[in-house]
């Protein structure tokens, strides 16, 4: 029987990672080129009771640890929202904001969401400038946060 490709169209495929949105704070959706650092881990605690017959410790999940999240986006004239947010930290009056990153399917519907709790910028940088290159100017902002949740829709 010849392969008609119909099996392929009914199969479940992994989602591509290039269609996503980032919402910072009060619902302002911003366009970013890249998001990285969406991970968390639980530190393992080893414990062994003194009267345990086993000659090894058991492991239990301990405190969760969250990575800083890095966002990259193109630089535009008069677009200084991220810089203004970062500059608040210089006056020790930083506004912590929720950040939501949503992975979208081909119809634009959210299928997976990462939410950062109380995020604030800790680093901002621009791309190296080079008069012989043809790259676009990209700014990078690194966010620290107090928690990460992951949710499949």
Protein backbone atom coordinates (compact mmCIF):
# COMPACT_ATOMS: atom_id res chain seq x y z
CA UNK A 1 0.00 0.00 0.00
CA UNK A 2 1.52 3.37 -0.97
CA UNK A 3 2.21 6.01 1.67
CA UNK A 4 -0.33 8.82 1.11
CA UNK A 5 0.81 11.01 3.99
CA UNK A 6 -2.57 10.79 5.72
CA UNK A 7 -0.99 9.09 8.72
CA UNK A 8 1.26 12.07 9.17
CA UNK A 9 -1.58 14.60 9.25
CA UNK A 10 -3.42 12.73 12.01
CA UNK A 11 -0.33 12.14 14.17
CA UNK A 12 0.47 14.21 17.21
CA UNK A 13 3.49 16.43 16.66
CA UNK A 14 5.55 18.40 19.19
CA UNK A 15 4.85 22.11 19.29
CA UNK A 16 7.30 24.45 17.58
CA UNK A 17 8.97 26.87 19.95
CA UNK A 18 8.90 30.00 17.79
CA UNK A 19 5.31 31.15 18.47
CA UNK A 20 5.03 32.68 21.93
CA UNK A 21 3.91 35.80 23.78
CA UNK A 22 5.32 37.57 26.83
CA UNK A 23 3.09 39.61 29.10
CA UNK A 24 4.77 41.86 31.65
CA UNK A 25 2.86 43.26 34.59
CA UNK A 26 -0.59 44.69 34.00
CA UNK A 27 -1.22 42.94 30.72
CA UNK A 28 1.18 44.78 28.42
CA UNK A 29 2.18 42.14 25.84
CA UNK A 30 5.68 42.69 24.50
CA UNK A 31 7.40 41.11 21.50
CA UNK A 32 10.59 39.20 22.25
CA UNK A 33 12.92 37.29 19.98
CA UNK A 34 14.10 34.80 22.57
CA UNK A 35 13.30 33.60 26.10
CA UNK A 36 15.61 31.33 28.08
CA UNK A 37 16.01 30.12 31.67
CA UNK A 38 12.52 28.73 32.23
CA UNK A 39 13.62 26.04 34.62
CA UNK A 40 13.43 25.08 38.26
CA UNK A 41 14.91 22.39 40.42
CA UNK A 42 14.41 20.99 43.88
CA UNK A 43 17.55 20.54 45.96
CA UNK A 44 17.79 17.03 47.36
CA UNK A 45 17.99 16.66 51.14
CA UNK A 46 19.66 13.53 52.43
CA UNK A 47 18.45 12.12 55.75
CA UNK A 48 19.16 9.00 57.70
CA UNK A 49 17.60 8.24 61.06
CA UNK A 50 20.02 6.90 63.66
CA UNK A 51 18.05 3.71 64.15
CA UNK A 52 17.59 2.99 60.43
CA UNK A 53 18.56 -0.51 59.36
CA UNK A 54 19.58 0.79 55.92
CA UNK A 55 23.21 1.81 55.55
CA UNK A 56 22.34 4.73 53.34
CA UNK A 57 20.41 7.95 53.54
CA UNK A 58 17.05 8.57 51.95
CA UNK A 59 16.54 11.55 49.69
CA UNK A 60 13.70 14.02 49.98
CA UNK A 61 12.86 17.11 47.90
CA UNK A 62 14.05 20.30 49.53
CA UNK A 63 13.94 23.99 48.67
CA UNK A 64 13.11 24.86 45.07
CA UNK A 65 15.62 26.89 43.11
CA UNK A 66 14.69 29.01 40.09
CA UNK A 67 16.97 30.21 37.30
CA UNK A 68 17.04 33.80 36.18
CA UNK A 69 15.07 34.32 32.97
CA UNK A 70 16.69 36.04 30.00
CA UNK A 71 14.61 37.92 27.42
CA UNK A 72 15.99 39.27 24.12
CA UNK A 73 14.26 41.70 21.80
CA UNK A 74 15.01 44.09 18.98
CA UNK A 75 15.74 47.70 19.92
CA UNK A 76 13.32 50.32 18.60
CA UNK A 77 13.34 54.10 18.65
CA UNK A 78 11.64 55.53 21.74
CA UNK A 79 11.03 52.03 23.19
CA UNK A 80 12.48 52.36 26.66
CA UNK A 81 10.02 50.42 28.84
CA UNK A 82 12.56 47.81 29.89
CA UNK A 83 15.26 50.40 30.56
CA UNK A 84 12.86 52.47 32.66
CA UNK A 85 11.92 49.37 34.67
CA UNK A 86 15.60 48.53 35.19
CA UNK A 87 16.44 52.12 36.19
CA UNK A 88 13.94 51.88 39.06
CA UNK A 89 16.36 49.50 40.77
CA UNK A 90 18.93 52.29 40.93
CA UNK A 91 16.58 54.25 43.17
CA UNK A 92 15.76 51.18 45.28
CA UNK A 93 12.10 51.48 44.34
CA UNK A 94 11.89 48.56 41.91
CA UNK A 95 8.43 47.43 40.91
CA UNK A 96 8.11 43.65 40.98
CA UNK A 97 5.79 42.40 38.26
CA UNK A 98 4.25 39.10 37.26
CA UNK A 99 5.50 37.87 33.88
CA UNK A 100 3.62 35.33 31.77
CA UNK A 101 5.22 33.49 28.86
CA UNK A 102 2.76 31.55 26.71
CA UNK A 103 3.59 29.01 24.02
CA UNK A 104 1.00 29.19 21.22
CA UNK A 105 -0.26 26.62 18.75
CA UNK A 106 -0.74 27.24 15.03
CA UNK A 107 -4.09 28.96 15.68
CA UNK A 108 -2.61 31.38 18.24
CA UNK A 109 -4.19 29.59 21.22
CA UNK A 110 -2.18 29.24 24.44
CA UNK A 111 -1.18 25.63 25.04
CA UNK A 112 1.50 25.99 27.71
CA UNK A 113 2.20 28.83 30.13
CA UNK A 114 5.08 29.76 32.40
CA UNK A 115 4.39 32.37 35.10
CA UNK A 116 7.09 34.26 36.98
CA UNK A 117 6.19 35.58 40.43
CA UNK A 118 7.47 39.01 41.52
CA UNK A 119 9.94 39.41 38.66
CA UNK A 120 12.35 42.33 38.49
CA UNK A 121 15.28 43.16 36.18
CA UNK A 122 18.81 42.55 37.43
CA UNK A 123 20.75 43.09 34.21
CA UNK A 124 20.20 44.89 30.92
CA UNK A 125 22.56 44.97 27.96
CA UNK A 126 22.70 45.80 24.29
CA UNK A 127 24.34 43.95 21.44
CA UNK A 128 27.91 44.68 20.46
CA UNK A 129 28.03 47.36 17.78
CA UNK A 130 29.90 46.60 14.57
CA UNK A 131 30.07 48.92 11.56
CA UNK A 132 30.85 46.05 9.16
CA UNK A 133 27.99 43.78 10.23
CA UNK A 134 24.36 43.74 9.22
CA UNK A 135 22.78 42.41 12.43
CA UNK A 136 19.93 44.23 14.06
CA UNK A 137 20.38 45.84 17.48
CA UNK A 138 19.13 43.53 20.22
CA UNK A 139 18.69 44.32 23.90
CA UNK A 140 18.84 41.67 26.60
CA UNK A 141 17.19 41.86 30.00
CA UNK A 142 17.70 39.33 32.78
CA UNK A 143 14.89 38.89 35.31
CA UNK A 144 15.16 37.50 38.82
CA UNK A 145 11.94 36.17 40.31
CA UNK A 146 10.53 34.44 43.37
CA UNK A 147 8.77 31.52 41.76
CA UNK A 148 7.92 29.78 38.50
CA UNK A 149 4.80 27.84 37.68
CA UNK A 150 4.24 25.76 34.57
CA UNK A 151 0.76 24.99 33.30
CA UNK A 152 -0.53 23.05 30.30
CA UNK A 153 -3.77 24.51 28.94
